C-alpha atoms as a PDB file:
ATOM      1  CA  UNK A   1      93.436 -70.404 168.668  1.00  0.00           C
ATOM      2  CA  UNK A   2      91.680 -70.032 172.467  1.00  0.00           C
ATOM      3  CA  UNK A   3      89.663 -72.250 173.808  1.00  0.00           C
ATOM      4  CA  UNK A   4      86.034 -71.807 175.713  1.00  0.00           C
ATOM      5  CA  UNK A   5      86.581 -72.290 179.840  1.00  0.00           C
ATOM      6  CA  UNK A   6      83.661 -71.270 181.027  1.00  0.00           C
ATOM      7  CA  UNK A   7      80.070 -73.435 181.096  1.00  0.00           C
ATOM      8  CA  UNK A   8      76.962 -72.698 181.877  1.00  0.00           C
ATOM      9  CA  UNK A   9      77.354 -75.299 185.926  1.00  0.00           C
ATOM     10  CA  UNK A  10      75.163 -72.713 187.800  1.00  0.00           C
ATOM     11  CA  UNK A  11      71.937 -75.180 188.544  1.00  0.00           C
ATOM     12  CA  UNK A  12      74.422 -78.007 188.745  1.00  0.00           C
ATOM     13  CA  UNK A  13      75.761 -76.934 191.232  1.00  0.00           C
ATOM     14  CA  UNK A  14      72.130 -75.393 193.202  1.00  0.00           C
ATOM     15  CA  UNK A  15      71.337 -78.839 193.389  1.00  0.00           C
ATOM     16  CA  UNK A  16      74.299 -79.873 195.799  1.00  0.00           C
ATOM     17  CA  UNK A  17      72.834 -76.560 198.077  1.00  0.00           C
ATOM     18  CA  UNK A  18      70.308 -78.352 200.629  1.00  0.00           C
ATOM     19  CA  UNK A  19      68.851 -75.514 203.084  1.00  0.00           C
ATOM     20  CA  UNK A  20      70.396 -72.534 201.617  1.00  0.00           C
ATOM     21  CA  UNK A  21      70.227 -69.786 199.178  1.00  0.00           C
ATOM     22  CA  UNK A  22      71.354 -71.207 196.027  1.00  0.00           C
ATOM     23  CA  UNK A  23      73.441 -69.678 193.892  1.00  0.00           C
ATOM     24  CA  UNK A  24      73.254 -67.211 191.143  1.00  0.00           C
ATOM     25  CA  UNK A  25      75.282 -66.800 188.120  1.00  0.00           C
ATOM     26  CA  UNK A  26      77.334 -63.260 188.033  1.00  0.00           C
ATOM     27  CA  UNK A  27      75.974 -61.630 186.041  1.00  0.00           C
ATOM     28  CA  UNK A  28      72.596 -62.260 187.751  1.00  0.00           C
ATOM     29  CA  UNK A  29      73.899 -61.207 191.055  1.00  0.00           C
ATOM     30  CA  UNK A  30      71.915 -57.816 191.863  1.00  0.00           C
ATOM     31  CA  UNK A  31      75.127 -55.865 193.464  1.00  0.00           C
ATOM     32  CA  UNK A  32      77.107 -56.385 190.251  1.00  0.00           C
ATOM     33  CA  UNK A  33      76.390 -54.254 187.750  1.00  0.00           C
ATOM     34  CA  UNK A  34      77.022 -54.934 183.766  1.00  0.00           C
ATOM     35  CA  UNK A  35      79.556 -52.353 182.120  1.00  0.00           C
ATOM     36  CA  UNK A  36      81.082 -54.827 179.000  1.00  0.00           C
ATOM     37  CA  UNK A  37      80.652 -57.981 177.534  1.00  0.00           C
ATOM     38  CA  UNK A  38      82.232 -59.148 174.432  1.00  0.00           C
ATOM     39  CA  UNK A  39      83.512 -62.018 173.228  1.00  0.00           C
ATOM     40  CA  UNK A  40      86.649 -62.502 175.843  1.00  0.00           C
ATOM     41  CA  UNK A  41      85.634 -60.835 178.684  1.00  0.00           C
ATOM     42  CA  UNK A  42      82.558 -59.593 181.245  1.00  0.00           C
ATOM     43  CA  UNK A  43      83.413 -56.874 183.231  1.00  0.00           C
ATOM     44  CA  UNK A  44      81.195 -55.843 186.100  1.00  0.00           C
ATOM     45  CA  UNK A  45      81.457 -53.178 188.594  1.00  0.00           C
ATOM     46  CA  UNK A  46      80.129 -54.200 192.784  1.00  0.00           C
ATOM     47  CA  UNK A  47      79.058 -51.816 194.704  1.00  0.00           C
ATOM     48  CA  UNK A  48      78.070 -52.709 198.439  1.00  0.00           C
ATOM     49  CA  UNK A  49      76.493 -50.026 201.380  1.00  0.00           C
ATOM     50  CA  UNK A  50      78.292 -50.632 204.336  1.00  0.00           C
ATOM     51  CA  UNK A  51      76.267 -54.234 206.238  1.00  0.00           C
ATOM     52  CA  UNK A  52      75.231 -55.356 202.504  1.00  0.00           C
ATOM     53  CA  UNK A  53      76.119 -58.462 201.168  1.00  0.00           C
ATOM     54  CA  UNK A  54      76.173 -60.436 197.920  1.00  0.00           C
ATOM     55  CA  UNK A  55      74.493 -63.003 197.125  1.00  0.00           C
ATOM     56  CA  UNK A  56      76.185 -66.355 196.790  1.00  0.00           C
ATOM     57  CA  UNK A  57      77.212 -66.212 193.553  1.00  0.00           C
ATOM     58  CA  UNK A  58      79.824 -68.468 190.779  1.00  0.00           C
ATOM     59  CA  UNK A  59      82.947 -67.649 189.323  1.00  0.00           C
ATOM     60  CA  UNK A  60      84.046 -70.287 186.238  1.00  0.00           C
ATOM     61  CA  UNK A  61      87.559 -68.357 184.697  1.00  0.00           C
ATOM     62  CA  UNK A  62      89.996 -67.226 185.685  1.00  0.00           C
ATOM     63  CA  UNK A  63      89.981 -63.454 186.662  1.00  0.00           C
ATOM     64  CA  UNK A  64      91.435 -59.941 187.987  1.00  0.00           C
ATOM     65  CA  UNK A  65      89.123 -57.270 191.154  1.00  0.00           C
ATOM     66  CA  UNK A  66      90.544 -54.155 191.287  1.00  0.00           C
ATOM     67  CA  UNK A  67      89.150 -52.411 194.358  1.00  0.00           C
ATOM     68  CA  UNK A  68      87.947 -48.759 194.208  1.00  0.00           C
ATOM     69  CA  UNK A  69      87.372 -48.011 198.009  1.00  0.00           C
ATOM     70  CA  UNK A  70      88.893 -47.438 200.899  1.00  0.00           C
ATOM     71  CA  UNK A  71      86.352 -50.124 202.581  1.00  0.00           C
ATOM     72  CA  UNK A  72      87.047 -53.626 205.380  1.00  0.00           C
ATOM     73  CA  UNK A  73      85.163 -56.615 203.771  1.00  0.00           C
ATOM     74  CA  UNK A  74      84.390 -60.245 204.647  1.00  0.00           C
ATOM     75  CA  UNK A  75      84.358 -62.784 201.748  1.00  0.00           C
ATOM     76  CA  UNK A  76      82.163 -66.375 202.684  1.00  0.00           C
ATOM     77  CA  UNK A  77      83.187 -69.397 200.455  1.00  0.00           C
ATOM     78  CA  UNK A  78      80.222 -71.866 200.415  1.00  0.00           C
ATOM     79  CA  UNK A  79      79.938 -74.193 203.187  1.00  0.00           C
ATOM     80  CA  UNK A  80      82.638 -72.369 205.211  1.00  0.00           C
ATOM     81  CA  UNK A  81      82.832 -69.614 207.437  1.00  0.00           C
ATOM     82  CA  UNK A  82      83.131 -66.071 206.631  1.00  0.00           C
ATOM     83  CA  UNK A  83      86.771 -65.193 206.358  1.00  0.00           C
ATOM     84  CA  UNK A  84      88.647 -62.349 209.009  1.00  0.00           C
ATOM     85  CA  UNK A  85      88.160 -58.827 207.712  1.00  0.00           C
ATOM     86  CA  UNK A  86      89.912 -57.738 204.849  1.00  0.00           C
ATOM     87  CA  UNK A  87      91.177 -53.649 204.186  1.00  0.00           C
ATOM     88  CA  UNK A  88      90.346 -52.692 200.630  1.00  0.00           C
ATOM     89  CA  UNK A  89      92.065 -49.908 198.990  1.00  0.00           C
ATOM     90  CA  UNK A  90      91.829 -48.430 195.467  1.00  0.00           C
ATOM     91  CA  UNK A  91      94.031 -50.407 192.841  1.00  0.00           C
ATOM     92  CA  UNK A  92      94.586 -53.020 194.781  1.00  0.00           C
ATOM     93  CA  UNK A  93      94.857 -55.265 191.981  1.00  0.00           C
ATOM     94  CA  UNK A  94      94.547 -60.124 192.451  1.00  0.00           C
ATOM     95  CA  UNK A  95      94.482 -62.066 189.751  1.00  0.00           C
ATOM     96  CA  UNK A  96      92.880 -65.278 190.712  1.00  0.00           C
ATOM     97  CA  UNK A  97      93.008 -68.450 188.922  1.00  0.00           C
ATOM     98  CA  UNK A  98      90.565 -70.482 187.813  1.00  0.00           C
ATOM     99  CA  UNK A  99      90.212 -74.527 189.090  1.00  0.00           C
ATOM    100  CA  UNK A 100      86.761 -75.131 188.970  1.00  0.00           C
ATOM    101  CA  UNK A 101      83.315 -73.178 189.538  1.00  0.00           C
ATOM    102  CA  UNK A 102      84.112 -70.778 192.787  1.00  0.00           C
ATOM    103  CA  UNK A 103      80.838 -69.462 194.493  1.00  0.00           C
ATOM    104  CA  UNK A 104      81.078 -66.914 197.061  1.00  0.00           C
ATOM    105  CA  UNK A 105      79.459 -64.272 198.228  1.00  0.00           C
ATOM    106  CA  UNK A 106      81.675 -60.660 199.859  1.00  0.00           C
ATOM    107  CA  UNK A 107      80.296 -58.962 203.110  1.00  0.00           C
ATOM    108  CA  UNK A 108      81.162 -54.893 203.313  1.00  0.00           C
ATOM    109  CA  UNK A 109      81.890 -54.996 207.378  1.00  0.00           C
ATOM    110  CA  UNK A 110      82.787 -51.702 206.686  1.00  0.00           C
ATOM    111  CA  UNK A 111      81.344 -48.418 207.532  1.00  0.00           C
ATOM    112  CA  UNK A 112      81.864 -46.662 203.375  1.00  0.00           C
ATOM    113  CA  UNK A 113      80.951 -48.558 200.582  1.00  0.00           C
ATOM    114  CA  UNK A 114      82.909 -51.522 198.811  1.00  0.00           C
ATOM    115  CA  UNK A 115      83.233 -50.740 195.072  1.00  0.00           C
ATOM    116  CA  UNK A 116      85.495 -52.949 193.325  1.00  0.00           C
ATOM    117  CA  UNK A 117      85.543 -54.513 189.423  1.00  0.00           C
ATOM    118  CA  UNK A 118      85.761 -58.292 188.741  1.00  0.00           C
ATOM    119  CA  UNK A 119      87.190 -58.840 184.950  1.00  0.00           C
ATOM    120  CA  UNK A 120      86.080 -62.055 183.709  1.00  0.00           C
ATOM    121  CA  UNK A 121      88.488 -63.883 180.778  1.00  0.00           C
ATOM    122  CA  UNK A 122      86.456 -65.770 179.553  1.00  0.00           C
ATOM    123  CA  UNK A 123      89.531 -67.919 177.017  1.00  0.00           C
ATOM    124  CA  UNK A 124      92.599 -68.993 178.327  1.00  0.00           C
ATOM    125  CA  UNK A 125      95.323 -69.330 176.217  1.00  0.00           C
ATOM    126  CA  UNK A 126      96.566 -72.193 174.596  1.00  0.00           C
ATOM    127  CA  UNK A 127      99.572 -71.095 172.865  1.00  0.00           C
ATOM    128  CA  UNK A 128     102.310 -69.267 174.426  1.00  0.00           C
ATOM    129  CA  UNK A 129     101.781 -65.270 174.117  1.00  0.00           C
ATOM    130  CA  UNK A 130     103.802 -62.430 173.325  1.00  0.00           C
ATOM    131  CA  UNK A 131     106.699 -60.050 175.468  1.00  0.00           C
ATOM    132  CA  UNK A 132     104.744 -57.812 178.976  1.00  0.00           C
ATOM    133  CA  UNK A 133     104.094 -54.507 177.705  1.00  0.00           C
ATOM    134  CA  UNK A 134     106.254 -53.778 181.040  1.00  0.00           C
ATOM    135  CA  UNK A 135     106.415 -54.329 184.668  1.00  0.00           C
ATOM    136  CA  UNK A 136     103.635 -56.989 185.309  1.00  0.00           C
ATOM    137  CA  UNK A 137     101.662 -56.603 188.224  1.00  0.00           C
ATOM    138  CA  UNK A 138     100.086 -59.557 188.877  1.00  0.00           C
ATOM    139  CA  UNK A 139      98.921 -62.678 186.313  1.00  0.00           C
ATOM    140  CA  UNK A 140      97.061 -65.656 185.674  1.00  0.00           C
ATOM    141  CA  UNK A 141      97.232 -68.110 182.413  1.00  0.00           C
ATOM    142  CA  UNK A 142      94.788 -65.821 180.710  1.00  0.00           C
ATOM    143  CA  UNK A 143      96.440 -62.172 181.043  1.00  0.00           C
ATOM    144  CA  UNK A 144      98.806 -59.872 182.574  1.00  0.00           C
ATOM    145  CA  UNK A 145      97.907 -56.477 184.366  1.00  0.00           C
ATOM    146  CA  UNK A 146     100.213 -53.799 184.910  1.00  0.00           C
ATOM    147  CA  UNK A 147      99.534 -50.818 186.713  1.00  0.00           C
ATOM    148  CA  UNK A 148     100.814 -47.243 186.068  1.00  0.00           C
ATOM    149  CA  UNK A 149     101.055 -44.795 189.568  1.00  0.00           C
ATOM    150  CA  UNK A 150     101.853 -41.851 188.580  1.00  0.00           C
ATOM    151  CA  UNK A 151     102.715 -38.800 190.190  1.00  0.00           C
ATOM    152  CA  UNK A 152     101.039 -35.180 188.559  1.00  0.00           C
ATOM    153  CA  UNK A 153     102.772 -33.790 185.893  1.00  0.00           C
ATOM    154  CA  UNK A 154     104.421 -38.059 185.823  1.00  0.00           C
ATOM    155  CA  UNK A 155     104.464 -39.806 182.881  1.00  0.00           C
ATOM    156  CA  UNK A 156     104.764 -43.479 182.243  1.00  0.00           C
ATOM    157  CA  UNK A 157     107.624 -45.226 179.997  1.00  0.00           C
ATOM    158  CA  UNK A 158     106.436 -46.286 176.287  1.00  0.00           C
ATOM    159  CA  UNK A 159     104.686 -49.461 175.537  1.00  0.00           C
ATOM    160  CA  UNK A 160     103.015 -52.080 173.835  1.00  0.00           C
ATOM    161  CA  UNK A 161     100.646 -53.551 174.350  1.00  0.00           C
ATOM    162  CA  UNK A 162     100.612 -56.886 171.040  1.00  0.00           C
ATOM    163  CA  UNK A 163      97.123 -57.920 172.462  1.00  0.00           C
ATOM    164  CA  UNK A 164      93.805 -56.815 173.239  1.00  0.00           C
ATOM    165  CA  UNK A 165      94.038 -55.214 176.074  1.00  0.00           C
ATOM    166  CA  UNK A 166      91.536 -52.880 178.996  1.00  0.00           C
ATOM    167  CA  UNK A 167      92.651 -49.825 179.946  1.00  0.00           C
ATOM    168  CA  UNK A 168      91.024 -48.992 183.983  1.00  0.00           C
ATOM    169  CA  UNK A 169      91.791 -46.415 186.239  1.00  0.00           C
ATOM    170  CA  UNK A 170      91.449 -47.285 189.373  1.00  0.00           C
ATOM    171  CA  UNK A 171      90.951 -43.221 190.991  1.00  0.00           C
ATOM    172  CA  UNK A 172      90.335 -40.326 189.239  1.00  0.00           C
ATOM    173  CA  UNK A 173      92.917 -38.606 186.523  1.00  0.00           C
ATOM    174  CA  UNK A 174      93.475 -36.245 183.585  1.00  0.00           C
ATOM    175  CA  UNK A 175      95.014 -38.604 181.469  1.00  0.00           C
ATOM    176  CA  UNK A 176      96.658 -38.220 178.107  1.00  0.00           C
ATOM    177  CA  UNK A 177      97.683 -40.811 175.726  1.00  0.00           C
ATOM    178  CA  UNK A 178     101.056 -40.091 173.579  1.00  0.00           C
ATOM    179  CA  UNK A 179     101.762 -42.481 170.704  1.00  0.00           C
ATOM    180  CA  UNK A 180     105.600 -42.724 169.347  1.00  0.00           C
ATOM    181  CA  UNK A 181     104.431 -39.914 167.152  1.00  0.00           C
ATOM    182  CA  UNK A 182     104.066 -36.967 169.164  1.00  0.00           C
ATOM    183  CA  UNK A 183     100.048 -37.505 168.870  1.00  0.00           C
ATOM    184  CA  UNK A 184      98.111 -37.005 172.143  1.00  0.00           C
ATOM    185  CA  UNK A 185      94.455 -37.197 173.363  1.00  0.00           C
ATOM    186  CA  UNK A 186      93.862 -36.509 176.975  1.00  0.00           C
ATOM    187  CA  UNK A 187      90.785 -37.100 178.681  1.00  0.00           C
ATOM    188  CA  UNK A 188      89.000 -36.675 182.163  1.00  0.00           C
ATOM    189  CA  UNK A 189      88.583 -40.086 183.705  1.00  0.00           C
ATOM    190  CA  UNK A 190      86.759 -41.455 186.954  1.00  0.00           C
ATOM    191  CA  UNK A 191      87.178 -44.331 189.616  1.00  0.00           C
ATOM    192  CA  UNK A 192      85.954 -47.335 187.468  1.00  0.00           C
ATOM    193  CA  UNK A 193      86.138 -46.134 184.248  1.00  0.00           C
ATOM    194  CA  UNK A 194      86.678 -49.248 181.555  1.00  0.00           C
ATOM    195  CA  UNK A 195      88.048 -49.191 178.088  1.00  0.00           C
ATOM    196  CA  UNK A 196      88.592 -52.806 175.584  1.00  0.00           C
ATOM    197  CA  UNK A 197      91.194 -51.857 172.843  1.00  0.00           C
ATOM    198  CA  UNK A 198      91.080 -54.481 170.216  1.00  0.00           C
ATOM    199  CA  UNK A 199      94.236 -52.800 168.607  1.00  0.00           C
ATOM    200  CA  UNK A 200      98.157 -53.039 168.780  1.00  0.00           C
ATOM    201  CA  UNK A 201      98.781 -50.002 170.316  1.00  0.00           C
ATOM    202  CA  UNK A 202     102.164 -48.382 171.963  1.00  0.00           C
ATOM    203  CA  UNK A 203     101.707 -45.655 173.574  1.00  0.00           C
ATOM    204  CA  UNK A 204     102.170 -43.324 177.319  1.00  0.00           C
ATOM    205  CA  UNK A 205     100.555 -42.414 179.864  1.00  0.00           C
ATOM    206  CA  UNK A 206     100.942 -39.428 182.104  1.00  0.00           C
ATOM    207  CA  UNK A 207      99.094 -37.707 184.573  1.00  0.00           C
ATOM    208  CA  UNK A 208      97.541 -34.491 184.066  1.00  0.00           C
ATOM    209  CA  UNK A 209      95.771 -33.504 187.170  1.00  0.00           C
ATOM    210  CA  UNK A 210      96.874 -32.658 190.631  1.00  0.00           C
ATOM    211  CA  UNK A 211      96.529 -35.690 192.327  1.00  0.00           C
ATOM    212  CA  UNK A 212      98.042 -38.632 192.175  1.00  0.00           C
ATOM    213  CA  UNK A 213      96.540 -41.292 189.578  1.00  0.00           C
ATOM    214  CA  UNK A 214      96.579 -44.844 188.739  1.00  0.00           C
ATOM    215  CA  UNK A 215      95.584 -46.796 185.774  1.00  0.00           C
ATOM    216  CA  UNK A 216      95.271 -50.620 185.063  1.00  0.00           C
ATOM    217  CA  UNK A 217      96.163 -51.970 182.099  1.00  0.00           C
ATOM    218  CA  UNK A 218      94.964 -56.072 181.673  1.00  0.00           C
ATOM    219  CA  UNK A 219      96.354 -57.478 178.721  1.00  0.00           C
ATOM    220  CA  UNK A 220      95.013 -60.893 177.199  1.00  0.00           C
ATOM    221  CA  UNK A 221      97.196 -63.741 176.771  1.00  0.00           C
END
């Protein structure tokens, strides 16, 4: 059994903010590009050119963010000053816990494009989750995150996802996935590629390319 945490509260927030840009929903923010939406997750890709800022927008759920580029950004929570500059790099992951609607904007303060993925976790579990699939990189009440940094030719441990999950490439990679019977599939993936899996899976991940690659798996609790 899972429960909904997210609701339509952006209109309520907008009535509390005089003489300032009214916040928009995540999907209405023009720099957030929808990649995937189902009953469990919303995945968007954020892209800001140097000097650009998002609109103030509202997050309603637990979420995971994955940076895809080396960039410098600031964040501004509604009603507060900009944060100090923050340097991002591909594969940086944050697991954020929702304590109610969170409205902010992001500014690209650097000289190169800023790109990141934002994964909104639409439900928070009401009962205990199963065992972790591997070393947990980050987690919040809704999901666990595993990050595999694979040198050329390297292979992860065989691991099992008991719950639905997202597999995301944080960098370009020639990815080989192998099941316990030895059956394998190889895919050339780009930074930011996302795939949703709604089944129990046991596999290992290998880097068949010539450069270091990173894979992030986000497993629902």
